[in-house]
């Protein structure tokens, strides 16, 4: 990948030389052409350095994510530039052949000189991903949005008509690089003043210590009916190398302790009863179960003691669990709350159009899904991972309102 990037550097450099060829200021020409080359090669070098230090960093840190993000930004920008410019070069080559055949006296031969306006078009088009990626990195990843969803049920107990749930998912605290921005998201969650707060997994990227500086902040999210949480695939520490299995187990134990310090009741294949006005609903939480990921979630065990007729809300990190198990389970689970996908942190949700590359892996990757009155809501994630940005798929705070169908 880095070799391809360097080859594109040379091609873009030559294109910029054409673009600046008629500029009177030689220093300005050098700044634009050689300046680009030095910055782009420098970004690639930093990216390679980041890769080489991953083994000693215990997973990706904000530094590694920034290096990856900058590398991707320049790579995609150069790719757009190269595509446009190469199409122009192909066009002028074919034009040169036609001219040479038609007029053998032409002095340009088979390859006429590059036209400056082709390079200008390439620059304009390449500017689109370049500015978009930088917006995603500097603003988009903390541009929190509240998504409200009202769901109607016949089976909902009367006392819970209008009951509200605030959901966060995929905090990925090890990726944060702006404490004040994170606090704005937390304040927005607190401001919803919901009856119940739930967190649906991936508190950290890999290690328990990543959440420690944010415990007091996220711990201020309170709800009258309590705060409940589950584990996501990243919480088990499976994506980094530990010195021993004992260290890995100790990390998970510490993470569970941090859930308690946050004021969250961590549900590990178990359930609790929520009571209001003499009526009850069951809140069920499973460990991670995902297609292609760790599968420790045990739905049958989690529902032990739950009356089949009781209204049920399930917390399950990965939506593939609902797709493959929950919606076909003999016991009806009315609502499942999940996360995991992040909506790929990139996509389009506007004017009725919903697209993200993650749709090719998950049928239900964001928002509400329904199968025979069994609902799934997939939160787009509060944080971010690997790519230090979000574009089009903004970080989410979900507010679900349960309503009795009249």
Protein backbone atom coordinates (compact mmCIF):
# COMPACT_ATOMS: atom_id res chain seq x y z
CA UNK A 1 0.00 0.00 0.00
CA UNK A 2 2.80 2.42 0.89
CA UNK A 3 4.60 1.63 -2.40
CA UNK A 4 1.44 2.43 -4.36
CA UNK A 5 1.11 5.65 -2.39
CA UNK A 6 4.66 6.68 -3.32
CA UNK A 7 4.05 5.95 -7.00
CA UNK A 8 0.97 8.16 -6.86
CA UNK A 9 3.06 10.85 -5.17
CA UNK A 10 5.28 11.01 -8.24
CA UNK A 11 2.30 11.15 -10.62
CA UNK A 12 0.59 13.89 -8.63
CA UNK A 13 3.89 15.78 -8.39
CA UNK A 14 4.18 15.76 -12.19
CA UNK A 15 0.59 16.94 -12.49
CA UNK A 16 1.23 19.83 -10.10
CA UNK A 17 4.26 20.81 -12.16
CA UNK A 18 1.96 21.19 -15.15
CA UNK A 19 -0.49 23.17 -13.04
CA UNK A 20 2.18 25.62 -11.84
CA UNK A 21 4.26 25.79 -15.03
CA UNK A 22 3.12 29.28 -16.03
CA UNK A 23 3.33 30.80 -12.55
CA UNK A 24 5.76 33.73 -12.42
CA UNK A 25 6.87 33.07 -8.86
CA UNK A 26 9.41 30.26 -8.81
CA UNK A 27 9.39 30.00 -4.96
CA UNK A 28 5.61 29.55 -5.04
CA UNK A 29 5.93 26.82 -7.68
CA UNK A 30 8.46 25.01 -5.51
CA UNK A 31 6.27 25.33 -2.41
CA UNK A 32 3.26 23.81 -4.16
CA UNK A 33 5.06 20.99 -5.97
CA UNK A 34 7.85 20.00 -3.60
CA UNK A 35 5.80 20.99 -0.57
CA UNK A 36 3.11 18.50 -1.54
CA UNK A 37 5.69 15.80 -2.18
CA UNK A 38 7.44 16.30 1.15
CA UNK A 39 4.19 16.37 3.15
CA UNK A 40 2.73 13.32 1.41
CA UNK A 41 5.90 11.26 1.73
CA UNK A 42 6.20 12.41 5.35
CA UNK A 43 2.66 11.20 6.10
CA UNK A 44 3.49 7.81 4.59
CA UNK A 45 6.67 7.62 6.67
CA UNK A 46 4.77 8.44 9.87
CA UNK A 47 2.17 5.83 8.99
CA UNK A 48 4.89 3.19 8.57
CA UNK A 49 6.45 4.27 11.85
CA UNK A 50 3.06 3.93 13.53
CA UNK A 51 2.69 0.40 12.17
CA UNK A 52 6.12 -0.57 13.46
CA UNK A 53 5.27 0.66 16.97
CA UNK A 54 1.92 -1.11 17.25
CA UNK A 55 3.45 -4.21 18.82
CA UNK A 56 4.70 -2.22 21.81
CA UNK A 57 1.69 0.10 22.13
CA UNK A 58 -0.86 -2.51 23.25
CA UNK A 59 -3.19 -1.71 20.38
CA UNK A 60 -4.02 1.46 18.51
CA UNK A 61 -3.66 4.72 20.40
CA UNK A 62 -4.98 8.10 19.21
CA UNK A 63 -1.52 8.65 17.65
CA UNK A 64 -1.81 5.48 15.57
CA UNK A 65 -5.36 6.34 14.56
CA UNK A 66 -4.30 9.82 13.46
CA UNK A 67 -1.43 8.42 11.39
CA UNK A 68 -3.76 5.92 9.74
CA UNK A 69 -6.38 8.62 9.15
CA UNK A 70 -3.92 11.06 7.58
CA UNK A 71 -2.49 8.31 5.40
CA UNK A 72 -5.97 7.34 4.19
CA UNK A 73 -6.84 10.99 3.58
CA UNK A 74 -3.84 11.53 1.34
CA UNK A 75 -4.19 8.12 -0.30
CA UNK A 76 -7.83 8.64 -1.30
CA UNK A 77 -7.17 12.24 -2.36
CA UNK A 78 -4.29 11.14 -4.58
CA UNK A 79 -6.38 8.31 -5.97
CA UNK A 80 -9.07 10.75 -7.13
CA UNK A 81 -6.41 13.03 -8.61
CA UNK A 82 -4.67 10.16 -10.42
CA UNK A 83 -7.91 8.76 -11.87
CA UNK A 84 -8.91 12.09 -13.38
CA UNK A 85 -5.42 12.91 -14.62
CA UNK A 86 -4.84 9.44 -16.10
CA UNK A 87 -8.15 9.64 -17.97
CA UNK A 88 -6.97 12.97 -19.34
CA UNK A 89 -3.62 11.46 -20.30
CA UNK A 90 -5.36 8.56 -22.01
CA UNK A 91 -7.54 11.02 -23.90
CA UNK A 92 -4.62 13.11 -25.11
CA UNK A 93 -2.72 9.95 -26.12
CA UNK A 94 -5.66 8.75 -28.24
CA UNK A 95 -6.04 12.28 -29.60
CA UNK A 96 -2.36 12.26 -30.54
CA UNK A 97 -2.75 8.99 -32.45
CA UNK A 98 -5.70 10.36 -34.42
CA UNK A 99 -3.86 13.60 -35.18
CA UNK A 100 -0.73 11.74 -36.25
CA UNK A 101 -2.67 9.52 -38.61
CA UNK A 102 -4.63 12.44 -40.04
CA UNK A 103 -1.69 14.83 -40.27
CA UNK A 104 1.73 13.22 -40.40
CA UNK A 105 3.38 16.62 -40.12
CA UNK A 106 2.15 17.25 -36.58
CA UNK A 107 5.02 17.98 -34.28
CA UNK A 108 3.40 16.61 -31.12
CA UNK A 109 3.46 12.99 -32.16
CA UNK A 110 1.45 10.38 -30.27
CA UNK A 111 1.57 12.20 -26.93
CA UNK A 112 0.59 15.90 -27.04
CA UNK A 113 1.52 18.08 -24.09
CA UNK A 114 -0.76 17.87 -21.08
CA UNK A 115 -3.46 20.49 -20.95
CA UNK A 116 -3.52 22.53 -17.76
CA UNK A 117 -7.32 22.47 -17.46
CA UNK A 118 -7.25 18.66 -16.99
CA UNK A 119 -4.98 19.13 -14.00
CA UNK A 120 -7.29 21.86 -12.67
CA UNK A 121 -10.25 19.48 -12.89
CA UNK A 122 -8.21 16.78 -11.10
CA UNK A 123 -7.37 19.23 -8.29
CA UNK A 124 -11.01 20.31 -7.89
CA UNK A 125 -12.28 16.73 -7.72
CA UNK A 126 -9.49 15.61 -5.38
CA UNK A 127 -10.35 18.50 -3.06
CA UNK A 128 -13.70 16.85 -2.28
CA UNK A 129 -12.34 13.80 -0.38
CA UNK A 130 -9.50 15.87 1.07
CA UNK A 131 -11.77 18.44 2.73
CA UNK A 132 -14.37 15.81 3.65
CA UNK A 133 -11.84 13.62 5.46
CA UNK A 134 -10.46 16.58 7.40
CA UNK A 135 -13.98 17.61 8.39
CA UNK A 136 -14.60 14.05 9.56
CA UNK A 137 -11.45 14.08 11.69
CA UNK A 138 -11.70 17.54 13.22
CA UNK A 139 -15.45 17.90 13.65
CA UNK A 140 -17.52 14.96 12.46
CA UNK A 141 -16.34 12.44 15.05
CA UNK A 142 -17.71 14.62 17.88
CA UNK A 143 -20.80 15.92 16.09
CA UNK A 144 -23.25 14.10 18.36
CA UNK A 145 -26.79 13.57 17.13
CA UNK A 146 -29.85 12.53 19.14
CA UNK A 147 -31.93 9.92 17.32
CA UNK A 148 -35.46 9.55 18.68
CA UNK A 149 -37.58 6.50 18.01
CA UNK A 150 -41.09 5.73 19.26
CA UNK A 151 -42.16 2.08 19.12
CA UNK A 152 -45.73 0.91 19.66
CA UNK A 153 -46.71 -2.40 21.27
CA UNK A 154 -49.93 -4.14 22.18
CA UNK A 155 -48.16 -6.11 24.93
CA UNK A 156 -46.60 -3.15 26.75
CA UNK A 157 -47.89 -2.82 30.33
CA UNK A 158 -50.00 0.31 30.82
CA UNK A 159 -47.68 1.64 33.51
CA UNK A 160 -44.78 1.73 30.99
CA UNK A 161 -46.69 3.67 28.35
CA UNK A 162 -44.32 6.55 27.46
CA UNK A 163 -41.31 4.92 29.17
CA UNK A 164 -38.05 6.32 27.77
CA UNK A 165 -34.65 4.67 27.29
CA UNK A 166 -31.40 6.45 26.49
CA UNK A 167 -28.90 4.18 24.77
CA UNK A 168 -25.19 4.70 24.20
CA UNK A 169 -23.00 2.16 22.47
CA UNK A 170 -19.38 1.74 21.34
CA UNK A 171 -17.78 4.44 23.44
CA UNK A 172 -14.27 3.19 22.51
CA UNK A 173 -12.68 5.44 25.10
CA UNK A 174 -9.15 4.56 23.99
CA UNK A 175 -9.67 6.57 20.80
CA UNK A 176 -10.75 9.88 22.33
CA UNK A 177 -8.44 12.87 21.85
CA UNK A 178 -10.67 15.77 22.95
CA UNK A 179 -12.04 15.60 26.48
CA UNK A 180 -14.18 18.74 26.14
CA UNK A 181 -15.83 17.40 22.99
CA UNK A 182 -16.59 14.09 24.70
CA UNK A 183 -18.13 16.00 27.60
CA UNK A 184 -20.54 17.71 25.19
CA UNK A 185 -21.80 14.28 24.15
CA UNK A 186 -22.16 13.19 27.76
CA UNK A 187 -24.07 16.39 28.63
CA UNK A 188 -26.38 15.73 25.69
CA UNK A 189 -27.11 12.23 26.99
CA UNK A 190 -27.80 13.56 30.48
CA UNK A 191 -30.12 16.24 29.09
CA UNK A 192 -32.48 13.57 27.70
CA UNK A 193 -33.60 12.74 31.27
CA UNK A 194 -34.80 9.30 30.28
CA UNK A 195 -36.33 6.75 32.65
CA UNK A 196 -33.64 4.17 31.90
CA UNK A 197 -30.05 4.33 30.66
CA UNK A 198 -28.37 1.43 28.83
CA UNK A 199 -24.93 0.95 27.33
CA UNK A 200 -24.56 -1.77 24.71
CA UNK A 201 -20.87 -2.64 24.69
CA UNK A 202 -17.33 -1.71 23.61
CA UNK A 203 -16.43 0.59 26.46
CA UNK A 204 -12.77 0.37 25.44
CA UNK A 205 -10.67 -0.56 22.42
CA UNK A 206 -8.60 -3.18 24.23
CA UNK A 207 -7.57 -2.38 27.80
CA UNK A 208 -9.46 -1.45 30.95
CA UNK A 209 -7.28 1.58 31.71
CA UNK A 210 -8.59 3.40 28.62
CA UNK A 211 -11.85 4.35 30.36
CA UNK A 212 -10.31 5.41 33.66
CA UNK A 213 -9.95 9.14 32.94
CA UNK A 214 -13.60 9.26 31.84
CA UNK A 215 -15.23 7.33 34.69
CA UNK A 216 -16.27 10.46 36.62
CA UNK A 217 -17.70 11.98 33.44
CA UNK A 218 -19.74 9.05 32.12
CA UNK A 219 -20.64 8.17 35.70
CA UNK A 220 -22.79 11.30 35.88
CA UNK A 221 -25.32 9.75 33.50
CA UNK A 222 -28.13 8.64 35.80
CA UNK A 223 -31.69 7.46 35.31
CA UNK A 224 -34.56 6.79 37.77
CA UNK A 225 -34.77 3.11 36.80
CA UNK A 226 -31.02 2.62 36.75
CA UNK A 227 -28.06 2.27 34.42
CA UNK A 228 -27.33 -1.10 32.80
CA UNK A 229 -24.60 -2.33 30.49
CA UNK A 230 -23.21 -5.29 28.57
CA UNK A 231 -19.85 -6.22 27.04
CA UNK A 232 -18.88 -5.83 23.39
CA UNK A 233 -16.30 -7.76 21.38
CA UNK A 234 -13.53 -5.23 22.08
CA UNK A 235 -14.03 -5.40 25.84
CA UNK A 236 -12.55 -8.91 26.11
CA UNK A 237 -9.04 -7.79 25.07
CA UNK A 238 -8.86 -10.24 22.17
CA UNK A 239 -7.19 -7.88 19.69
CA UNK A 240 -3.86 -7.31 21.40
CA UNK A 241 -1.15 -9.60 22.71
CA UNK A 242 -0.98 -10.07 26.48
CA UNK A 243 2.03 -11.24 28.47
CA UNK A 244 -0.06 -14.09 29.82
CA UNK A 245 -3.63 -15.38 29.99
CA UNK A 246 -3.65 -14.26 33.62
CA UNK A 247 -3.00 -10.66 32.53
CA UNK A 248 -5.83 -10.86 30.02
CA UNK A 249 -8.27 -12.22 32.61
CA UNK A 250 -7.15 -9.58 35.10
CA UNK A 251 -7.84 -6.87 32.51
CA UNK A 252 -11.39 -8.13 31.98
CA UNK A 253 -11.97 -8.30 35.73
CA UNK A 254 -10.77 -4.71 36.05
CA UNK A 255 -13.04 -3.61 33.23
CA UNK A 256 -16.03 -5.18 34.97
CA UNK A 257 -15.04 -3.25 38.08
CA UNK A 258 -15.01 -0.05 36.05
CA UNK A 259 -18.60 -0.72 34.95
CA UNK A 260 -19.53 -0.75 38.63
CA UNK A 261 -17.57 2.46 39.25
CA UNK A 262 -19.50 4.07 36.37
CA UNK A 263 -22.70 3.14 38.17
CA UNK A 264 -23.64 0.54 35.53
CA UNK A 265 -25.13 -2.81 36.43
CA UNK A 266 -23.27 -5.12 34.06
CA UNK A 267 -25.54 -7.89 32.76
CA UNK A 268 -23.63 -11.08 31.94
CA UNK A 269 -26.18 -13.48 30.47
CA UNK A 270 -28.74 -12.47 33.09
CA UNK A 271 -31.87 -10.41 33.57
CA UNK A 272 -33.41 -7.91 35.94
CA UNK A 273 -37.01 -6.88 36.56
CA UNK A 274 -38.07 -3.26 36.23
CA UNK A 275 -41.23 -2.41 38.11
CA UNK A 276 -43.51 0.59 37.72
CA UNK A 277 -47.00 1.10 39.05
CA UNK A 278 -47.22 -2.52 40.14
CA UNK A 279 -46.38 -3.78 36.63
CA UNK A 280 -43.14 -5.28 35.33
CA UNK A 281 -40.91 -5.60 32.29
CA UNK A 282 -37.74 -7.69 31.97
CA UNK A 283 -34.40 -6.25 30.95
CA UNK A 284 -32.08 -8.95 29.62
CA UNK A 285 -28.37 -8.63 28.90
CA UNK A 286 -26.10 -11.10 27.09
CA UNK A 287 -22.37 -11.25 26.61
CA UNK A 288 -21.09 -10.68 23.10
CA UNK A 289 -22.44 -12.92 20.36
CA UNK A 290 -21.49 -11.96 16.85
CA UNK A 291 -21.22 -13.58 13.45
CA UNK A 292 -17.47 -13.98 12.95
CA UNK A 293 -16.73 -12.65 16.45
CA UNK A 294 -16.60 -13.99 19.98
CA UNK A 295 -19.78 -15.89 20.88
CA UNK A 296 -20.27 -15.99 24.64
CA UNK A 297 -23.83 -14.73 24.65
CA UNK A 298 -26.25 -17.32 26.02
CA UNK A 299 -29.80 -16.11 25.48
CA UNK A 300 -31.48 -19.11 27.15
CA UNK A 301 -29.37 -18.71 30.25
CA UNK A 302 -29.99 -14.97 30.29
CA UNK A 303 -33.76 -15.52 30.24
CA UNK A 304 -33.90 -18.03 33.07
CA UNK A 305 -36.75 -17.08 35.38
CA UNK A 306 -38.34 -14.69 32.88
CA UNK A 307 -42.05 -15.20 32.34
CA UNK A 308 -42.76 -15.84 28.65
CA UNK A 309 -45.64 -13.37 28.75
CA UNK A 310 -43.52 -10.55 30.19
CA UNK A 311 -42.55 -7.62 27.98
CA UNK A 312 -38.82 -8.02 27.27
CA UNK A 313 -35.99 -5.69 26.30
CA UNK A 314 -32.70 -7.31 25.32
CA UNK A 315 -29.24 -5.75 25.29
CA UNK A 316 -27.01 -7.53 22.75
CA UNK A 317 -23.96 -5.80 21.29
CA UNK A 318 -23.87 -7.29 17.78
CA UNK A 319 -26.96 -7.01 15.52
CA UNK A 320 -26.08 -10.31 13.83
CA UNK A 321 -27.20 -11.97 17.07
CA UNK A 322 -30.71 -10.64 16.44
CA UNK A 323 -30.52 -11.53 12.76
CA UNK A 324 -29.52 -15.15 13.40
CA UNK A 325 -30.91 -16.03 16.84
CA UNK A 326 -33.15 -13.54 18.60
CA UNK A 327 -35.83 -12.92 16.00
CA UNK A 328 -36.36 -16.67 15.53
CA UNK A 329 -36.25 -17.60 19.23
CA UNK A 330 -39.34 -19.47 20.49
CA UNK A 331 -39.73 -16.85 23.23
CA UNK A 332 -40.72 -13.45 21.89
CA UNK A 333 -38.30 -10.66 22.71
CA UNK A 334 -40.06 -7.41 21.97
CA UNK A 335 -37.09 -5.05 21.62
CA UNK A 336 -33.36 -5.66 21.13
CA UNK A 337 -30.85 -2.82 21.48
CA UNK A 338 -27.49 -3.27 19.74
CA UNK A 339 -24.52 -1.33 18.34
CA UNK A 340 -21.19 -2.64 17.03
CA UNK A 341 -21.34 -1.55 13.38
CA UNK A 342 -20.60 2.19 13.85
CA UNK A 343 -22.34 2.52 10.49
CA UNK A 344 -18.73 2.15 9.26
CA UNK A 345 -18.30 5.79 10.41
CA UNK A 346 -18.86 6.68 6.79
CA UNK A 347 -21.96 6.86 4.64
CA UNK A 348 -24.98 8.84 3.56
CA UNK A 349 -28.18 9.40 5.48
CA UNK A 350 -29.98 12.25 3.80
CA UNK A 351 -33.05 12.95 1.67
CA UNK A 352 -34.31 9.42 2.14
CA UNK A 353 -31.03 7.85 1.03
CA UNK A 354 -29.29 5.48 3.45
CA UNK A 355 -26.01 3.87 2.44
CA UNK A 356 -22.84 2.75 4.16
CA UNK A 357 -20.26 0.15 3.10
CA UNK A 358 -21.12 -1.79 6.26
CA UNK A 359 -24.46 -2.73 4.66
CA UNK A 360 -22.61 -5.42 2.72
CA UNK A 361 -21.78 -7.16 6.01
CA UNK A 362 -24.87 -6.39 8.09
CA UNK A 363 -28.45 -6.36 6.88
CA UNK A 364 -29.41 -4.18 9.84
CA UNK A 365 -26.57 -1.73 10.42
CA UNK A 366 -28.27 1.39 11.85
CA UNK A 367 -31.67 2.44 13.10
CA UNK A 368 -34.84 0.38 13.48
CA UNK A 369 -35.65 -3.05 12.04
CA UNK A 370 -38.76 -5.16 12.55
CA UNK A 371 -39.49 -8.85 12.10
CA UNK A 372 -43.01 -9.93 13.04
CA UNK A 373 -43.29 -7.31 15.76
CA UNK A 374 -39.83 -8.13 17.15
CA UNK A 375 -37.88 -4.91 16.92
CA UNK A 376 -34.16 -4.23 16.71
CA UNK A 377 -32.55 -0.84 17.12
CA UNK A 378 -28.89 -0.47 16.09
CA UNK A 379 -27.09 2.50 17.61
CA UNK A 380 -24.46 4.10 15.32
CA UNK A 381 -21.95 4.39 18.17
CA UNK A 382 -20.80 7.18 20.45
CA UNK A 383 -17.08 6.86 19.68
CA UNK A 384 -14.87 5.82 16.80
CA UNK A 385 -12.17 3.28 16.07
CA UNK A 386 -9.18 3.02 13.68
CA UNK A 387 -10.24 5.92 11.44
CA UNK A 388 -10.22 8.96 13.71
CA UNK A 389 -13.27 10.52 12.16
CA UNK A 390 -16.89 10.22 11.07
CA UNK A 391 -18.46 11.40 7.84
CA UNK A 392 -22.17 11.20 7.16
CA UNK A 393 -22.70 8.66 9.95
CA UNK A 394 -22.46 10.87 13.02
CA UNK A 395 -21.98 9.71 16.64
CA UNK A 396 -25.31 8.84 18.19
CA UNK A 397 -27.31 9.18 21.37
CA UNK A 398 -30.50 7.14 21.08
CA UNK A 399 -33.75 7.90 22.87
CA UNK A 400 -36.40 5.18 22.57
CA UNK A 401 -39.96 5.79 23.73
CA UNK A 402 -42.15 2.77 24.40
CA UNK A 403 -45.82 3.36 23.70
CA UNK A 404 -48.92 1.30 24.29
CA UNK A 405 -50.81 0.80 21.04
CA UNK A 406 -54.34 2.10 21.58
